[in-house]
Amino acid sequence: MADHLSDEEQLQVLKNWWSENGRFLIGAIAIGLTAYFGWQWWTQYQKDYSEGAAAIYTDLSETVATANGEDLTEEQQKTAQFLIEQLQSDYENTLYAANASMLAAKLAVEKDDLPTAESELKKALHYNDEDVNTIASLRLAKVYLAQEKYDEALVMATYDKNDAFAATYAVLRGDVLLAKGDIELARNAYQQAMGLLTANPVDRNSGLQRQLLEVKLSNLPAVGDQS
């Protein structure tokens, strides 16, 4: 029927349709463009954000890299602290921030600043990542042990997985229990670790770990001789 309309009539139909539907069409186009460009912006922002964190962490790694175990200079310490704080404040939800916190804890331990090491490892634990939590918990347990916070150390040394870290955690539990004076429980933990290492030799260091465990077990007082 539209084929029989004059040009003027067709133009009027178009005007009427636009009057009724134009606003909705413009709105739909606007929403679509906003969503598209918003997604493009968010994708680029995420990329820039990740690259920014990676660049800072690279600078941090280079700053603390020393040859032959040399101590950091005062200037290196200041730079490292600045970069760590920048990652923690500006990129707090990234893996780089969590790793920066664990590095800060390592530097604190080297200065025998155990309270700071404890605080930094707790920051790392806020990053909800299984691998990060496994390592940070292990290190925090060691810091608690060094501070003679044995109950806290045992909580952090709890581990219910059967993987490459299971034996390491068992050894640490043994160390904590031994420090508490719980000889038999320490023995049980060491024996558990020995069983795990024997059944699942995960790397070439397993033999050395077993030798160290044998020394720990042989140094324990005999049953009934714990005076």
C-alpha atoms as a PDB file:
ATOM      1  CA  MET A   1       0.000   0.000   0.000  1.00  0.00           C
ATOM      2  CA  ALA A   2       2.931   2.306   0.742  1.00  0.00           C
ATOM      3  CA  ASP A   3       3.910   1.988  -2.929  1.00  0.00           C
ATOM      4  CA  HIS A   4       0.796   3.981  -3.858  1.00  0.00           C
ATOM      5  CA  LEU A   5       1.557   6.881  -1.486  1.00  0.00           C
ATOM      6  CA  SER A   6       2.911  10.098  -2.875  1.00  0.00           C
ATOM      7  CA  ASP A   7       6.289  11.390  -1.817  1.00  0.00           C
ATOM      8  CA  GLU A   8       4.582  13.940   0.393  1.00  0.00           C
ATOM      9  CA  GLU A   9       2.432  11.284   2.034  1.00  0.00           C
ATOM     10  CA  GLN A  10       5.418   9.002   2.615  1.00  0.00           C
ATOM     11  CA  LEU A  11       7.294  11.902   4.202  1.00  0.00           C
ATOM     12  CA  GLN A  12       4.357  12.570   6.495  1.00  0.00           C
ATOM     13  CA  VAL A  13       4.223   8.913   7.525  1.00  0.00           C
ATOM     14  CA  LEU A  14       7.920   9.029   8.333  1.00  0.00           C
ATOM     15  CA  LYS A  15       7.449  12.196  10.354  1.00  0.00           C
ATOM     16  CA  ASN A  16       4.627  10.635  12.296  1.00  0.00           C
ATOM     17  CA  TRP A  17       6.646   7.487  12.999  1.00  0.00           C
ATOM     18  CA  TRP A  18       9.633   9.548  14.131  1.00  0.00           C
ATOM     19  CA  SER A  19       7.414  11.658  16.349  1.00  0.00           C
ATOM     20  CA  GLU A  20       6.119   8.530  18.047  1.00  0.00           C
ATOM     21  CA  ASN A  21       9.328   6.472  18.190  1.00  0.00           C
ATOM     22  CA  GLY A  22      12.271   8.811  17.705  1.00  0.00           C
ATOM     23  CA  ARG A  23      12.972   9.416  21.376  1.00  0.00           C
ATOM     24  CA  PHE A  24      12.996   5.714  22.106  1.00  0.00           C
ATOM     25  CA  LEU A  25      15.311   5.006  19.185  1.00  0.00           C
ATOM     26  CA  ILE A  26      17.729   7.744  20.230  1.00  0.00           C
ATOM     27  CA  GLY A  27      17.627   6.451  23.794  1.00  0.00           C
ATOM     28  CA  ALA A  28      18.362   2.889  22.703  1.00  0.00           C
ATOM     29  CA  ILE A  29      21.264   4.047  20.534  1.00  0.00           C
ATOM     30  CA  ALA A  30      22.608   6.180  23.386  1.00  0.00           C
ATOM     31  CA  ILE A  31      22.419   3.281  25.827  1.00  0.00           C
ATOM     32  CA  GLY A  32      24.140   0.995  23.344  1.00  0.00           C
ATOM     33  CA  LEU A  33      26.941   3.480  22.672  1.00  0.00           C
ATOM     34  CA  THR A  34      27.367   4.160  26.383  1.00  0.00           C
ATOM     35  CA  ALA A  35      27.639   0.452  27.124  1.00  0.00           C
ATOM     36  CA  TYR A  36      30.099  -0.099  24.272  1.00  0.00           C
ATOM     37  CA  PHE A  37      32.387   2.796  25.093  1.00  0.00           C
ATOM     38  CA  GLY A  38      32.028   2.101  28.815  1.00  0.00           C
ATOM     39  CA  TRP A  39      33.221  -1.463  28.278  1.00  0.00           C
ATOM     40  CA  GLN A  40      36.071  -0.234  26.091  1.00  0.00           C
ATOM     41  CA  TRP A  41      37.090   2.247  28.791  1.00  0.00           C
ATOM     42  CA  TRP A  42      36.879  -0.365  31.544  1.00  0.00           C
ATOM     43  CA  THR A  43      38.943  -2.868  29.563  1.00  0.00           C
ATOM     44  CA  GLN A  44      41.625  -0.269  28.880  1.00  0.00           C
ATOM     45  CA  TYR A  45      41.544   0.895  32.494  1.00  0.00           C
ATOM     46  CA  GLN A  46      42.051  -2.654  33.748  1.00  0.00           C
ATOM     47  CA  LYS A  47      44.925  -3.143  31.310  1.00  0.00           C
ATOM     48  CA  ASP A  48      46.593   0.121  32.338  1.00  0.00           C
ATOM     49  CA  TYR A  49      45.978  -0.676  36.025  1.00  0.00           C
ATOM     50  CA  SER A  50      47.592  -4.093  35.761  1.00  0.00           C
ATOM     51  CA  GLU A  51      50.510  -2.802  33.728  1.00  0.00           C
ATOM     52  CA  GLY A  52      51.063   0.008  36.231  1.00  0.00           C
ATOM     53  CA  ALA A  53      51.210  -2.428  39.137  1.00  0.00           C
ATOM     54  CA  ALA A  54      53.524  -4.740  37.197  1.00  0.00           C
ATOM     55  CA  ALA A  55      55.903  -1.886  36.390  1.00  0.00           C
ATOM     56  CA  ILE A  56      56.121  -0.788  40.019  1.00  0.00           C
ATOM     57  CA  TYR A  57      56.668  -4.362  41.209  1.00  0.00           C
ATOM     58  CA  THR A  58      59.451  -4.784  38.640  1.00  0.00           C
ATOM     59  CA  ASP A  59      61.110  -1.641  40.009  1.00  0.00           C
ATOM     60  CA  LEU A  60      60.705  -3.035  43.526  1.00  0.00           C
ATOM     61  CA  SER A  61      62.267  -6.374  42.587  1.00  0.00           C
ATOM     62  CA  GLU A  62      65.204  -4.629  40.946  1.00  0.00           C
ATOM     63  CA  THR A  63      65.638  -2.346  43.955  1.00  0.00           C
ATOM     64  CA  VAL A  64      65.963  -5.200  46.466  1.00  0.00           C
ATOM     65  CA  ALA A  65      68.078  -7.427  44.212  1.00  0.00           C
ATOM     66  CA  THR A  66      71.563  -7.599  45.715  1.00  0.00           C
ATOM     67  CA  ALA A  67      74.600  -9.688  44.895  1.00  0.00           C
ATOM     68  CA  ASN A  68      75.994 -12.280  47.287  1.00  0.00           C
ATOM     69  CA  GLY A  69      73.448 -11.555  50.007  1.00  0.00           C
ATOM     70  CA  GLU A  70      74.667  -8.008  50.615  1.00  0.00           C
ATOM     71  CA  ASP A  71      72.547  -5.729  52.790  1.00  0.00           C
ATOM     72  CA  LEU A  72      70.432  -3.093  51.134  1.00  0.00           C
ATOM     73  CA  THR A  73      71.772   0.421  51.268  1.00  0.00           C
ATOM     74  CA  GLU A  74      69.780   3.063  53.095  1.00  0.00           C
ATOM     75  CA  GLU A  75      68.732   4.521  49.744  1.00  0.00           C
ATOM     76  CA  GLN A  76      67.558   1.099  48.525  1.00  0.00           C
ATOM     77  CA  GLN A  77      65.565   0.588  51.717  1.00  0.00           C
ATOM     78  CA  LYS A  78      63.834   3.944  51.319  1.00  0.00           C
ATOM     79  CA  THR A  79      63.044   3.285  47.660  1.00  0.00           C
ATOM     80  CA  ALA A  80      61.757  -0.211  48.431  1.00  0.00           C
ATOM     81  CA  GLN A  81      59.528   1.084  51.217  1.00  0.00           C
ATOM     82  CA  PHE A  82      58.124   3.793  48.945  1.00  0.00           C
ATOM     83  CA  LEU A  83      57.323   1.289  46.186  1.00  0.00           C
ATOM     84  CA  ILE A  84      55.795  -1.189  48.647  1.00  0.00           C
ATOM     85  CA  GLU A  85      53.515   1.477  50.091  1.00  0.00           C
ATOM     86  CA  GLN A  86      52.547   2.617  46.594  1.00  0.00           C
ATOM     87  CA  LEU A  87      51.504  -0.903  45.617  1.00  0.00           C
ATOM     88  CA  GLN A  88      49.605  -1.401  48.859  1.00  0.00           C
ATOM     89  CA  SER A  89      47.707   1.880  48.571  1.00  0.00           C
ATOM     90  CA  ASP A  90      47.135   2.277  44.830  1.00  0.00           C
ATOM     91  CA  TYR A  91      46.919  -1.383  43.812  1.00  0.00           C
ATOM     92  CA  GLU A  92      45.697  -3.028  47.005  1.00  0.00           C
ATOM     93  CA  ASN A  93      43.524  -5.640  45.296  1.00  0.00           C
ATOM     94  CA  THR A  94      46.257  -7.015  43.043  1.00  0.00           C
ATOM     95  CA  LEU A  95      48.595  -9.937  43.433  1.00  0.00           C
ATOM     96  CA  TYR A  96      51.463  -7.463  43.166  1.00  0.00           C
ATOM     97  CA  ALA A  97      50.348  -5.775  46.388  1.00  0.00           C
ATOM     98  CA  ALA A  98      50.165  -9.129  48.178  1.00  0.00           C
ATOM     99  CA  ASN A  99      53.651 -10.048  46.980  1.00  0.00           C
ATOM    100  CA  ALA A 100      54.893  -6.613  48.018  1.00  0.00           C
ATOM    101  CA  SER A 101      53.568  -7.229  51.529  1.00  0.00           C
ATOM    102  CA  MET A 102      55.357 -10.579  51.706  1.00  0.00           C
ATOM    103  CA  LEU A 103      58.552  -8.935  50.483  1.00  0.00           C
ATOM    104  CA  ALA A 104      58.142  -6.225  53.124  1.00  0.00           C
ATOM    105  CA  ALA A 105      57.809  -8.979  55.743  1.00  0.00           C
ATOM    106  CA  LYS A 106      60.998 -10.633  54.480  1.00  0.00           C
ATOM    107  CA  LEU A 107      62.896  -7.346  54.736  1.00  0.00           C
ATOM    108  CA  ALA A 108      61.512  -6.819  58.250  1.00  0.00           C
ATOM    109  CA  VAL A 109      62.641 -10.294  59.347  1.00  0.00           C
ATOM    110  CA  GLU A 110      66.123  -9.557  58.040  1.00  0.00           C
ATOM    111  CA  LYS A 111      66.169  -6.522  60.355  1.00  0.00           C
ATOM    112  CA  ASP A 112      64.766  -8.642  63.216  1.00  0.00           C
ATOM    113  CA  ASP A 113      61.632  -6.497  63.184  1.00  0.00           C
ATOM    114  CA  LEU A 114      59.155  -9.296  63.835  1.00  0.00           C
ATOM    115  CA  PRO A 115      56.113  -7.130  64.695  1.00  0.00           C
ATOM    116  CA  THR A 116      56.371  -5.413  61.304  1.00  0.00           C
ATOM    117  CA  ALA A 117      56.818  -8.764  59.583  1.00  0.00           C
ATOM    118  CA  GLU A 118      53.682 -10.032  61.323  1.00  0.00           C
ATOM    119  CA  SER A 119      51.706  -6.973  60.232  1.00  0.00           C
ATOM    120  CA  GLU A 120      52.845  -7.238  56.611  1.00  0.00           C
ATOM    121  CA  LEU A 121      52.011 -10.937  56.357  1.00  0.00           C
ATOM    122  CA  LYS A 122      48.535 -10.257  57.713  1.00  0.00           C
ATOM    123  CA  LYS A 123      48.083  -7.735  54.902  1.00  0.00           C
ATOM    124  CA  ALA A 124      49.075 -10.402  52.383  1.00  0.00           C
ATOM    125  CA  LEU A 125      46.475 -12.756  53.835  1.00  0.00           C
ATOM    126  CA  HIS A 126      43.733 -10.256  52.996  1.00  0.00           C
ATOM    127  CA  TYR A 127      44.368 -11.038  49.337  1.00  0.00           C
ATOM    128  CA  ASN A 128      41.974 -13.887  48.689  1.00  0.00           C
ATOM    129  CA  ASP A 129      44.237 -16.226  46.750  1.00  0.00           C
ATOM    130  CA  GLU A 130      44.940 -19.829  47.733  1.00  0.00           C
ATOM    131  CA  ASP A 131      48.607 -19.817  46.714  1.00  0.00           C
ATOM    132  CA  VAL A 132      49.291 -16.502  48.452  1.00  0.00           C
ATOM    133  CA  ASN A 133      47.510 -17.656  51.612  1.00  0.00           C
ATOM    134  CA  THR A 134      49.472 -20.912  51.682  1.00  0.00           C
ATOM    135  CA  ILE A 135      52.834 -19.150  51.594  1.00  0.00           C
ATOM    136  CA  ALA A 136      51.863 -16.201  53.780  1.00  0.00           C
ATOM    137  CA  SER A 137      50.371 -18.491  56.453  1.00  0.00           C
ATOM    138  CA  LEU A 138      53.534 -20.582  56.539  1.00  0.00           C
ATOM    139  CA  ARG A 139      55.718 -17.502  56.934  1.00  0.00           C
ATOM    140  CA  LEU A 140      53.426 -15.975  59.546  1.00  0.00           C
ATOM    141  CA  ALA A 141      53.568 -19.208  61.562  1.00  0.00           C
ATOM    142  CA  LYS A 142      57.369 -18.956  61.532  1.00  0.00           C
ATOM    143  CA  VAL A 143      57.195 -15.336  62.691  1.00  0.00           C
ATOM    144  CA  TYR A 144      54.844 -16.318  65.517  1.00  0.00           C
ATOM    145  CA  LEU A 145      57.227 -19.124  66.482  1.00  0.00           C
ATOM    146  CA  ALA A 146      60.128 -16.679  66.625  1.00  0.00           C
ATOM    147  CA  GLN A 147      57.997 -14.429  68.861  1.00  0.00           C
ATOM    148  CA  GLU A 148      57.113 -17.420  71.072  1.00  0.00           C
ATOM    149  CA  LYS A 149      53.431 -17.024  70.197  1.00  0.00           C
ATOM    150  CA  TYR A 150      53.021 -20.765  70.011  1.00  0.00           C
ATOM    151  CA  ASP A 151      49.238 -21.044  69.952  1.00  0.00           C
ATOM    152  CA  GLU A 152      48.982 -18.514  67.134  1.00  0.00           C
ATOM    153  CA  ALA A 153      51.753 -20.331  65.283  1.00  0.00           C
ATOM    154  CA  LEU A 154      49.889 -23.643  65.512  1.00  0.00           C
ATOM    155  CA  VAL A 155      46.746 -22.064  64.097  1.00  0.00           C
ATOM    156  CA  MET A 156      48.656 -20.739  61.096  1.00  0.00           C
ATOM    157  CA  ALA A 157      50.503 -24.056  60.680  1.00  0.00           C
ATOM    158  CA  THR A 158      47.259 -25.990  60.261  1.00  0.00           C
ATOM    159  CA  TYR A 159      47.167 -27.515  56.782  1.00  0.00           C
ATOM    160  CA  ASP A 160      44.718 -30.043  55.383  1.00  0.00           C
ATOM    161  CA  LYS A 161      45.978 -30.522  51.831  1.00  0.00           C
ATOM    162  CA  ASN A 162      48.182 -33.297  50.542  1.00  0.00           C
ATOM    163  CA  ASP A 163      50.483 -31.377  48.243  1.00  0.00           C
ATOM    164  CA  ALA A 164      54.047 -30.098  48.053  1.00  0.00           C
ATOM    165  CA  PHE A 165      53.558 -27.922  51.149  1.00  0.00           C
ATOM    166  CA  ALA A 166      52.087 -30.609  53.398  1.00  0.00           C
ATOM    167  CA  ALA A 167      55.444 -31.901  54.671  1.00  0.00           C
ATOM    168  CA  THR A 168      56.785 -28.388  55.215  1.00  0.00           C
ATOM    169  CA  TYR A 169      53.758 -27.499  57.314  1.00  0.00           C
ATOM    170  CA  ALA A 170      54.089 -30.740  59.303  1.00  0.00           C
ATOM    171  CA  VAL A 171      57.727 -29.982  60.088  1.00  0.00           C
ATOM    172  CA  LEU A 172      56.780 -26.505  61.231  1.00  0.00           C
ATOM    173  CA  ARG A 173      54.055 -27.887  63.496  1.00  0.00           C
ATOM    174  CA  GLY A 174      56.675 -30.179  64.981  1.00  0.00           C
ATOM    175  CA  ASP A 175      58.993 -27.226  65.608  1.00  0.00           C
ATOM    176  CA  VAL A 176      56.228 -25.264  67.332  1.00  0.00           C
ATOM    177  CA  LEU A 177      55.150 -28.220  69.467  1.00  0.00           C
ATOM    178  CA  LEU A 178      58.742 -28.901  70.422  1.00  0.00           C
ATOM    179  CA  ALA A 179      59.170 -25.272  71.464  1.00  0.00           C
ATOM    180  CA  LYS A 180      56.019 -25.636  73.598  1.00  0.00           C
ATOM    181  CA  GLY A 181      57.475 -28.729  75.240  1.00  0.00           C
ATOM    182  CA  ASP A 182      54.930 -31.137  73.702  1.00  0.00           C
ATOM    183  CA  ILE A 183      57.539 -33.740  72.808  1.00  0.00           C
ATOM    184  CA  GLU A 184      55.279 -36.584  71.735  1.00  0.00           C
ATOM    185  CA  LEU A 185      53.074 -34.350  69.613  1.00  0.00           C
ATOM    186  CA  ALA A 186      56.209 -32.921  68.042  1.00  0.00           C
ATOM    187  CA  ARG A 187      57.429 -36.434  67.322  1.00  0.00           C
ATOM    188  CA  ASN A 188      54.099 -37.270  65.688  1.00  0.00           C
ATOM    189  CA  ALA A 189      54.313 -34.186  63.492  1.00  0.00           C
ATOM    190  CA  TYR A 190      57.880 -34.978  62.430  1.00  0.00           C
ATOM    191  CA  GLN A 191      56.939 -38.568  61.659  1.00  0.00           C
ATOM    192  CA  GLN A 192      53.989 -37.369  59.622  1.00  0.00           C
ATOM    193  CA  ALA A 193      56.330 -35.107  57.662  1.00  0.00           C
ATOM    194  CA  MET A 194      58.745 -38.008  57.124  1.00  0.00           C
ATOM    195  CA  GLY A 195      55.919 -40.159  55.781  1.00  0.00           C
ATOM    196  CA  LEU A 196      54.813 -37.426  53.418  1.00  0.00           C
ATOM    197  CA  LEU A 197      58.331 -36.874  52.093  1.00  0.00           C
ATOM    198  CA  THR A 198      58.894 -40.588  51.628  1.00  0.00           C
ATOM    199  CA  ALA A 199      55.586 -41.173  49.877  1.00  0.00           C
ATOM    200  CA  ASN A 200      55.660 -38.007  47.786  1.00  0.00           C
ATOM    201  CA  PRO A 201      59.228 -36.854  47.020  1.00  0.00           C
ATOM    202  CA  VAL A 202      58.333 -33.610  45.303  1.00  0.00           C
ATOM    203  CA  ASP A 203      61.779 -32.364  44.327  1.00  0.00           C
ATOM    204  CA  ARG A 204      65.495 -33.021  44.563  1.00  0.00           C
ATOM    205  CA  ASN A 205      65.586 -31.414  48.017  1.00  0.00           C
ATOM    206  CA  SER A 206      63.379 -34.105  49.519  1.00  0.00           C
ATOM    207  CA  GLY A 207      66.422 -36.197  50.434  1.00  0.00           C
ATOM    208  CA  LEU A 208      67.974 -33.305  52.335  1.00  0.00           C
ATOM    209  CA  GLN A 209      64.684 -32.592  54.074  1.00  0.00           C
ATOM    210  CA  ARG A 210      64.479 -36.209  55.198  1.00  0.00           C
ATOM    211  CA  GLN A 211      68.017 -36.028  56.566  1.00  0.00           C
ATOM    212  CA  LEU A 212      67.177 -32.895  58.552  1.00  0.00           C
ATOM    213  CA  LEU A 213      64.034 -34.571  59.848  1.00  0.00           C
ATOM    214  CA  GLU A 214      66.030 -37.602  60.946  1.00  0.00           C
ATOM    215  CA  VAL A 215      68.274 -35.283  62.945  1.00  0.00           C
ATOM    216  CA  LYS A 216      65.258 -33.604  64.549  1.00  0.00           C
ATOM    217  CA  LEU A 217      63.759 -36.985  65.459  1.00  0.00           C
ATOM    218  CA  SER A 218      67.009 -38.356  66.836  1.00  0.00           C
ATOM    219  CA  ASN A 219      67.458 -35.278  69.011  1.00  0.00           C
ATOM    220  CA  LEU A 220      64.072 -35.700  70.661  1.00  0.00           C
ATOM    221  CA  PRO A 221      64.146 -37.185  74.179  1.00  0.00           C
ATOM    222  CA  ALA A 222      63.239 -40.855  74.349  1.00  0.00           C
ATOM    223  CA  VAL A 223      59.747 -41.800  75.520  1.00  0.00           C
ATOM    224  CA  GLY A 224      59.649 -41.485  79.304  1.00  0.00           C
ATOM    225  CA  ASP A 225      62.826 -39.393  79.365  1.00  0.00           C
ATOM    226  CA  GLN A 226      61.589 -35.811  78.984  1.00  0.00           C
ATOM    227  CA  SER A 227      63.129 -34.261  82.044  1.00  0.00           C
END
